[in-house]
Protein backbone atom coordinates (compact mmCIF):
# COMPACT_ATOMS: atom_id res chain seq x y z
CA MET A 1 29.46 -7.27 -3.54
CA HIS A 2 29.64 -6.76 -7.30
CA GLU A 3 27.11 -9.22 -8.62
CA THR A 4 23.36 -9.21 -8.97
CA GLU A 5 21.46 -10.73 -6.04
CA HIS A 6 17.97 -12.17 -6.21
CA TYR A 7 15.25 -11.21 -3.74
CA VAL A 8 11.58 -12.11 -3.44
CA GLY A 9 9.13 -9.40 -2.40
CA LEU A 10 5.72 -10.25 -0.89
CA MET A 11 2.97 -7.69 -0.41
CA SER A 12 -0.53 -8.17 0.97
CA GLY A 13 -2.14 -4.81 1.60
CA THR A 14 -5.21 -3.21 3.13
CA SER A 15 -7.36 -4.27 0.17
CA LEU A 16 -7.26 -7.84 1.54
CA ASP A 17 -7.38 -9.27 -1.97
CA GLY A 18 -4.35 -11.54 -2.00
CA VAL A 19 -0.56 -11.82 -2.22
CA ASP A 20 1.59 -10.03 -4.78
CA ALA A 21 4.92 -11.83 -5.24
CA VAL A 22 7.90 -10.71 -7.31
CA LEU A 23 11.40 -11.94 -8.02
CA ALA A 24 13.82 -9.03 -8.32
CA GLY A 25 17.39 -8.84 -9.47
CA ILE A 26 19.26 -6.12 -7.60
CA GLY A 27 22.76 -5.11 -8.62
CA PRO A 28 25.52 -3.44 -6.59
CA THR A 29 24.01 0.04 -7.07
CA GLY A 30 20.74 -1.10 -5.48
CA GLN A 31 18.71 -0.54 -8.65
CA PRO A 32 16.02 -3.28 -8.81
CA ARG A 33 14.87 -5.14 -11.91
CA LEU A 34 11.61 -7.10 -12.03
CA LEU A 35 12.30 -10.65 -13.23
CA ARG A 36 9.08 -12.52 -12.41
CA SER A 37 5.72 -11.85 -10.82
CA HIS A 38 2.86 -13.92 -9.45
CA TYR A 39 -0.46 -13.25 -7.75
CA LEU A 40 -2.22 -15.59 -5.33
CA PRO A 41 -5.72 -14.51 -4.19
CA TYR A 42 -7.03 -14.98 -0.68
CA VAL A 43 -9.85 -17.48 -0.29
CA ASP A 44 -13.03 -15.83 0.96
CA SER A 45 -12.80 -17.49 4.39
CA LEU A 46 -9.31 -16.11 5.06
CA ARG A 47 -10.30 -12.66 3.78
CA ALA A 48 -13.30 -12.63 6.13
CA GLN A 49 -11.16 -13.80 9.04
CA LEU A 50 -8.56 -11.07 8.46
CA LEU A 51 -11.20 -8.39 8.08
CA ALA A 52 -12.83 -9.47 11.36
CA LEU A 53 -9.46 -9.23 13.12
CA HIS A 54 -9.27 -5.52 12.34
CA THR A 55 -11.69 -4.92 15.22
CA PRO A 56 -11.41 -6.28 18.78
CA GLN A 57 -13.10 -9.63 19.38
CA PRO A 58 -13.00 -12.54 21.85
CA ASP A 59 -9.90 -14.80 21.67
CA GLU A 60 -8.34 -12.52 19.08
CA ILE A 61 -4.74 -13.38 20.06
CA HIS A 62 -5.36 -17.04 19.25
CA LEU A 63 -7.30 -16.22 16.08
CA ALA A 64 -4.57 -13.86 14.90
CA ALA A 65 -1.89 -16.50 15.49
CA ILE A 66 -3.84 -19.10 13.52
CA ALA A 67 -4.38 -16.59 10.70
CA ALA A 68 -0.65 -15.78 10.73
CA ASN A 69 0.14 -19.46 10.21
CA GLN A 70 -2.36 -19.68 7.35
CA LEU A 71 -0.76 -16.63 5.77
CA ALA A 72 2.72 -18.16 6.10
CA HIS A 73 1.54 -21.22 4.17
CA LEU A 74 -0.09 -19.01 1.53
CA TYR A 75 3.07 -16.88 1.24
CA ALA A 76 5.14 -20.06 0.87
CA ASP A 77 2.83 -21.28 -1.90
CA ALA A 78 3.18 -17.93 -3.65
CA VAL A 79 6.99 -18.15 -3.44
CA LYS A 80 7.02 -21.72 -4.74
CA GLU A 81 4.79 -20.84 -7.69
CA LEU A 82 6.79 -17.67 -8.38
CA LEU A 83 10.14 -19.45 -8.47
CA ASP A 84 8.93 -22.55 -10.42
CA GLY A 85 12.21 -24.15 -11.43
CA ILE A 86 14.52 -21.64 -9.75
CA ALA A 87 16.43 -23.11 -6.80
CA PRO A 88 15.50 -21.43 -3.49
CA GLY A 89 19.20 -21.33 -2.64
CA THR A 90 19.76 -18.73 -5.36
CA VAL A 91 17.44 -16.27 -3.57
CA ARG A 92 19.20 -14.25 -0.90
CA ALA A 93 16.05 -13.31 1.02
CA ILE A 94 12.31 -12.80 1.01
CA GLY A 95 11.04 -9.36 1.98
CA CYS A 96 7.60 -9.97 3.52
CA HIS A 97 5.40 -7.05 4.48
CA GLY A 98 2.81 -9.23 6.25
CA GLN A 99 -0.87 -8.43 6.70
CA THR A 100 -1.61 -5.34 8.77
CA LEU A 101 -4.14 -5.85 11.57
CA ARG A 102 -3.45 -2.68 13.56
CA HIS A 103 -1.56 0.46 12.67
CA ARG A 104 -1.39 2.76 15.70
CA PRO A 105 1.77 4.88 15.51
CA ALA A 106 0.28 7.38 17.99
CA ASP A 107 0.25 4.52 20.51
CA GLY A 108 3.75 3.43 19.53
CA TYR A 109 3.01 0.23 17.64
CA THR A 110 2.00 -1.42 14.40
CA LEU A 111 1.11 -5.07 13.83
CA GLN A 112 1.62 -7.08 10.67
CA ILE A 113 1.08 -10.84 10.88
CA GLY A 114 2.42 -13.65 8.71
CA ASN A 115 4.68 -15.82 10.91
CA ALA A 116 8.02 -15.07 9.25
CA ALA A 117 9.72 -17.88 11.18
CA LEU A 118 7.34 -20.43 9.67
CA LEU A 119 7.77 -18.88 6.22
CA ALA A 120 11.55 -19.30 6.47
CA GLU A 121 11.02 -22.91 7.54
CA LEU A 122 8.62 -23.66 4.69
CA THR A 123 10.70 -22.05 1.94
CA GLY A 124 14.27 -22.63 3.10
CA ILE A 125 14.94 -18.94 2.32
CA THR A 126 15.96 -16.16 4.73
CA VAL A 127 12.98 -13.91 5.51
CA VAL A 128 13.06 -10.23 6.41
CA ALA A 129 9.83 -8.99 7.99
CA ASP A 130 8.40 -6.45 10.47
CA PHE A 131 9.78 -3.48 8.53
CA ARG A 132 7.63 -0.82 10.18
CA SER A 133 8.37 -1.27 13.89
CA ARG A 134 11.87 0.20 13.94
CA ASP A 135 10.73 3.42 12.30
CA ILE A 136 7.94 3.76 14.88
CA ALA A 137 10.45 3.08 17.66
CA ALA A 138 12.45 6.01 16.27
CA GLY A 139 9.42 8.29 16.57
CA GLY A 140 8.12 7.83 13.02
CA GLN A 141 4.81 6.75 11.53
CA GLY A 142 6.23 3.45 10.26
CA ALA A 143 4.48 4.26 6.98
CA PRO A 144 4.48 4.78 4.15
CA LEU A 145 7.72 2.91 3.44
CA VAL A 146 7.51 2.67 -0.34
CA PRO A 147 8.60 6.32 -0.91
CA ALA A 148 12.22 5.32 -0.22
CA PHE A 149 11.92 2.81 -3.05
CA HIS A 150 10.17 5.34 -5.29
CA ALA A 151 13.04 7.75 -4.68
CA ARG A 152 15.59 5.07 -5.59
CA ALA A 153 13.85 3.69 -8.67
CA LEU A 154 11.61 6.43 -10.10
CA ARG A 155 13.06 9.86 -9.32
CA HIS A 156 14.01 12.02 -12.32
CA PRO A 157 16.82 14.61 -12.17
CA ASP A 158 14.99 17.18 -14.27
CA VAL A 159 11.26 16.48 -13.81
CA HIS A 160 9.26 17.00 -10.61
CA ARG A 161 7.31 13.76 -10.21
CA VAL A 162 4.72 12.50 -7.78
CA ILE A 163 4.12 8.76 -7.40
CA ALA A 164 0.65 7.80 -6.13
CA ASN A 165 0.08 4.32 -4.79
CA ILE A 166 -3.65 3.61 -4.67
CA GLY A 167 -4.36 0.40 -2.80
CA GLY A 168 -6.82 0.16 0.07
CA ILE A 169 -5.32 3.44 1.28
CA ALA A 170 -3.87 6.03 -1.10
CA ASN A 171 -0.42 7.47 -0.54
CA ILE A 172 1.80 9.81 -2.50
CA THR A 173 5.54 10.32 -2.80
CA ASP A 174 6.74 13.80 -3.73
CA LEU A 175 9.93 13.55 -5.80
CA PRO A 176 11.21 17.08 -6.49
CA THR A 177 14.31 17.40 -8.64
CA HIS A 178 16.18 18.78 -5.64
CA GLY A 179 15.54 18.72 -1.92
CA THR A 180 13.73 16.43 0.46
CA VAL A 181 11.58 13.52 -0.65
CA ARG A 182 8.28 13.50 1.22
CA GLY A 183 5.40 11.04 1.31
CA TRP A 184 2.23 10.30 3.27
CA ASP A 185 -1.17 8.66 3.12
CA THR A 186 -3.67 11.05 1.54
CA GLY A 187 -6.81 9.16 2.64
CA PRO A 188 -8.84 6.26 1.31
CA GLY A 189 -7.90 4.54 -1.91
CA ASN A 190 -10.05 1.58 -2.90
CA MET A 191 -11.01 0.57 0.64
CA LEU A 192 -14.42 2.26 0.90
CA LEU A 193 -15.21 1.64 -2.77
CA ASP A 194 -14.56 -2.09 -2.35
CA ALA A 195 -16.52 -2.34 0.89
CA TRP A 196 -19.55 -0.51 -0.52
CA ILE A 197 -19.82 -2.57 -3.71
CA LYS A 198 -19.30 -5.78 -1.72
CA ARG A 199 -22.26 -4.83 0.48
CA HIS A 200 -24.58 -3.88 -2.38
CA ARG A 201 -23.48 -6.04 -5.29
CA GLY A 202 -21.54 -8.90 -3.74
CA THR A 203 -18.37 -8.31 -5.78
CA HIS A 204 -14.97 -7.54 -4.33
CA TYR A 205 -14.31 -4.43 -6.41
CA ASP A 206 -15.83 -2.08 -9.01
CA ARG A 207 -14.14 -3.15 -12.25
CA ASP A 208 -12.81 -0.07 -14.07
CA GLY A 209 -15.09 2.06 -11.86
CA ALA A 210 -18.07 1.09 -14.02
CA TRP A 211 -20.67 1.24 -11.23
CA ALA A 212 -19.32 4.56 -9.96
CA ALA A 213 -19.30 5.95 -13.50
CA GLY A 214 -23.07 5.34 -13.74
CA GLY A 215 -24.01 7.46 -10.74
CA ARG A 216 -23.65 11.09 -9.76
CA VAL A 217 -21.70 12.86 -7.05
CA ASP A 218 -23.79 13.87 -4.03
CA THR A 219 -22.08 17.13 -3.10
CA ALA A 220 -23.57 17.24 0.39
CA LEU A 221 -22.19 13.78 1.17
CA LEU A 222 -18.83 14.66 -0.36
CA ASP A 223 -18.64 17.75 1.86
CA LEU A 224 -19.30 15.62 4.95
CA LEU A 225 -16.71 13.03 3.95
CA ALA A 226 -14.17 15.79 3.36
CA GLN A 227 -14.59 16.95 6.99
CA HIS A 228 -12.74 13.86 8.24
CA ALA A 229 -10.16 15.04 10.77
CA TYR A 230 -7.37 13.03 9.14
CA LEU A 231 -7.49 15.15 5.99
CA LYS A 232 -6.77 18.28 8.02
CA GLN A 233 -3.62 16.84 9.60
CA LEU A 234 -0.26 17.90 8.18
CA PRO A 235 2.25 15.27 7.06
CA PRO A 236 3.99 13.14 8.16
CA LYS A 237 0.91 11.00 8.70
CA SER A 238 -0.41 7.55 7.88
CA ALA A 239 -3.86 5.97 7.85
CA GLY A 240 -5.67 2.65 7.66
CA ARG A 241 -8.97 0.95 8.41
CA GLU A 242 -8.94 2.69 11.79
CA GLN A 243 -9.77 5.96 10.02
CA PHE A 244 -11.71 4.90 6.91
CA ASN A 245 -14.22 2.07 7.29
CA LEU A 246 -17.86 1.17 6.72
CA ASP A 247 -18.88 2.12 10.25
CA TRP A 248 -17.60 5.66 9.68
CA LEU A 249 -19.29 5.79 6.26
CA ASP A 250 -22.59 4.56 7.74
CA ALA A 251 -22.39 7.18 10.48
CA THR A 252 -21.74 9.87 7.86
CA LEU A 253 -24.67 8.70 5.74
CA ALA A 254 -26.89 8.81 8.84
CA ARG A 255 -26.12 12.54 9.13
CA MET A 256 -27.55 13.19 5.67
CA GLY A 257 -30.98 14.75 5.44
CA HIS A 258 -31.96 12.56 2.51
CA ALA A 259 -31.57 9.01 1.24
CA ILE A 260 -28.92 8.41 -1.42
CA ASP A 261 -29.00 5.80 -4.15
CA PRO A 262 -26.20 3.26 -3.56
CA ALA A 263 -24.73 3.95 -7.02
CA ASP A 264 -24.50 7.65 -6.15
CA VAL A 265 -22.70 6.76 -2.91
CA GLN A 266 -20.18 4.76 -4.97
CA THR A 267 -19.69 7.72 -7.32
CA THR A 268 -19.20 10.05 -4.38
CA LEU A 269 -16.69 7.69 -2.75
CA LEU A 270 -14.69 7.60 -5.98
CA GLU A 271 -14.72 11.40 -6.07
CA PHE A 272 -13.63 11.46 -2.42
CA THR A 273 -10.59 9.29 -3.18
CA ALA A 274 -9.67 11.36 -6.24
CA ALA A 275 -10.26 14.73 -4.56
CA SER A 276 -8.37 13.94 -1.32
CA LEU A 277 -5.37 12.77 -3.37
CA ALA A 278 -5.51 15.72 -5.79
CA ASP A 279 -5.92 18.22 -2.96
CA ALA A 280 -2.81 16.84 -1.26
CA VAL A 281 -0.81 17.18 -4.49
CA LYS A 282 -1.97 20.78 -5.03
CA ARG A 283 -1.39 21.77 -1.41
CA GLU A 284 1.92 20.02 -0.70
CA CYS A 285 3.64 19.26 -4.03
CA GLY A 286 3.90 22.68 -5.63
CA GLY A 287 5.31 22.63 -9.14
CA ALA A 288 4.68 18.93 -9.74
CA GLN A 289 4.81 18.18 -13.48
CA GLU A 290 3.94 14.46 -13.60
CA LEU A 291 1.93 12.03 -11.47
CA TYR A 292 2.24 8.28 -11.96
CA VAL A 293 -0.17 5.86 -10.30
CA CYS A 294 0.55 2.32 -9.13
CA GLY A 295 -1.56 -0.17 -7.19
CA GLY A 296 -5.04 -1.38 -8.04
CA GLY A 297 -6.32 2.15 -8.55
CA ALA A 298 -4.26 2.41 -11.73
CA HIS A 299 -6.74 -0.01 -13.38
CA ASN A 300 -9.80 2.06 -12.43
CA GLY A 301 -10.42 4.16 -15.53
CA ALA A 302 -13.08 6.29 -13.85
CA LEU A 303 -10.75 7.09 -10.93
CA MET A 304 -7.79 7.86 -13.18
CA GLY A 305 -10.02 10.16 -15.23
CA ARG A 306 -11.13 12.11 -12.18
CA ILE A 307 -7.57 12.51 -10.87
CA GLY A 308 -6.51 13.83 -14.27
CA ALA A 309 -9.44 16.24 -14.38
CA LEU A 310 -8.68 17.55 -10.88
CA LEU A 311 -5.00 18.07 -11.76
CA PRO A 312 -5.19 19.66 -15.23
CA ALA A 313 -1.66 21.10 -15.05
CA VAL A 314 -0.10 17.71 -14.25
CA LYS A 315 0.59 14.85 -16.66
CA VAL A 316 -1.24 11.84 -15.13
CA GLY A 317 -0.56 8.22 -16.06
CA ALA A 318 0.36 4.79 -14.67
CA THR A 319 3.88 3.68 -13.68
CA THR A 320 3.83 1.49 -16.79
CA ALA A 321 5.17 4.59 -18.54
CA LEU A 322 8.23 4.41 -16.26
CA GLY A 323 8.86 0.74 -16.98
CA ILE A 324 7.25 -0.83 -13.89
CA ASP A 325 3.85 -2.51 -14.04
CA PRO A 326 1.63 -0.77 -11.45
CA ASP A 327 0.57 -4.12 -9.97
CA TRP A 328 4.07 -4.98 -8.76
CA VAL A 329 5.56 -1.74 -7.45
CA GLU A 330 4.84 -2.42 -3.76
CA ALA A 331 6.05 -6.02 -3.82
CA LEU A 332 9.19 -4.86 -5.62
CA ALA A 333 9.65 -2.25 -2.90
CA PHE A 334 9.71 -4.94 -0.20
CA ALA A 335 12.22 -7.01 -2.16
CA TRP A 336 14.38 -3.86 -2.22
CA LEU A 337 13.78 -3.20 1.48
CA ALA A 338 14.98 -6.73 2.29
CA ARG A 339 18.12 -5.99 0.32
CA GLN A 340 18.62 -2.77 2.30
CA THR A 341 18.33 -4.69 5.56
CA LEU A 342 20.86 -7.38 4.63
CA HIS A 343 23.28 -4.74 3.33
CA HIS A 344 22.94 -2.78 6.60
CA GLU A 345 21.55 0.22 4.74
CA PRO A 346 18.57 2.36 5.82
CA GLY A 347 15.11 1.67 4.44
CA ASN A 348 13.17 4.65 5.75
CA LEU A 349 13.10 8.33 4.87
CA PRO A 350 12.77 10.59 7.93
CA GLY A 351 11.24 13.30 5.71
CA VAL A 352 8.43 10.85 4.98
CA THR A 353 7.78 9.07 8.26
CA GLY A 354 8.93 11.70 10.75
CA ALA A 355 11.45 9.35 12.38
CA ARG A 356 14.41 10.87 14.22
CA GLY A 357 16.78 9.61 11.54
CA GLU A 358 17.50 6.92 9.00
CA ARG A 359 17.19 3.39 10.34
CA ILE A 360 17.94 -0.14 9.16
CA LEU A 361 14.51 -1.76 9.10
CA GLY A 362 13.25 -5.30 9.53
CA ALA A 363 13.75 -8.46 11.56
CA ILE A 364 15.81 -11.26 9.96
CA TYR A 365 14.84 -14.93 10.11
CA PRO A 366 17.77 -16.88 8.62
CA ALA A 367 17.07 -19.86 6.38
């Protein structure tokens, strides 16, 4: 195959904010190029439904199936609006991550919903989905998967880089100039920050970290947060709402010997995200020269400032400097992963996930 193929990538992550959609052109070398992008937010009712499904509840199998169908229709709308004038037949496949409801690699499974069969029916385009299960079947964590894409698109032959994706959960990819690429979830990204400001201010996120910037770090609370068992585990490892959620935060706050102003809790949560990420870089990525951030966290000036302050020897910036808008890196990764699947090429990195070897990922739903 010597010509450029077109793929759509769809990403809806743990932030539960909406669907990122990209159209990518991928040539014979596998190097992706972003051609178009589109964002479609979740309506509040769907967001609430998906959040509720993260914990066990009556009739959850039925509710999850209905939500999966709703997501398929939303994904199809995102694809239609993304393509706008481009014939679906010119797109080889859609790479659809789906919406994670459970991520339990220790129990041998992960669950992302989105009804890929219905999405293929609605769009008339082949869909590749369920990327994580094969890696877990091979003894891996099934996550993070984007480091393989980072290694393909963003590695530098002479500069030791780290790529940090800060969505609901934060993960990093260590890209040394030589040797094994590694990557893992460092802890919470925006998840706790978003949940706390939603509770206290009714907004979905803290724009530019403005609320957090107005408070102060409560060092006693930060010390308690930093005792989370996940942070002491060695990679490979992956995390989600199972580890970092409001119930855990409330239980931690209940252990405090004093009341804390909500703004100070927000400030401390921001410091927790920055410190857990920076600590992982210092501990595991020795000699790193540059760190580039993608995901929603790249737009949080207060968070970016704290990461830079905690890593004074590292050049810190957004992936914009590398030619990829930080909002679209993950969706672009799943377009690339779909390409890997259809070309019978591996999509995982055993050094990242801990799988027994490289595997071709994903389930294919032909158009």
